[in-house]
Amino acid sequence: MLDLINLYKKLNELTGKEEEIITSEDYDELIEVLEEKRKVIEEIDGLDMEEYIKDSDAPGKTYQELKGLITSIKELEDGNIARINEGFGEVKEKMQELYKGQQSKKGYQKAGNFREAKFIDKKL
């Protein structure tokens, strides 16, 4: 039987690694880590947690350890989601600035569709 605690430890480790990658903005590596996490989660989903706890030598200790790992993973995930949303906010602001720049450029183009500059020379 696969060791559920070790799988959760691996998931916790990968989630911590994900945090570092998001901070460094290395999105290619992030995709690889997310794929690894998906595989670990699939293994976890294939196991019966209740049965695992009952079959362990110290069910109370096993339950507390799993609970601690799950809490840690959730906190890391919440932080990762916040960092990603912050990054999306920054990209959105940059896109809005770009759009404003394009709009102002179009405004100048519409102001005068002159093909060439003309000077009027008046002598006083």
Foldseek 3Di string as FASTA:
>chain_A
DDDLLVLLVVLLVLLVVLLVCLVVVPVVVNVVSVVVNVVSVVVNVVDDPVVNLVPDPHSVVVVVSVVVSVVSSVVSVVVSVVSVVVVVVVVVVVVVVVVVVVVVVVVVCVVDVDPDDDDDDDDD
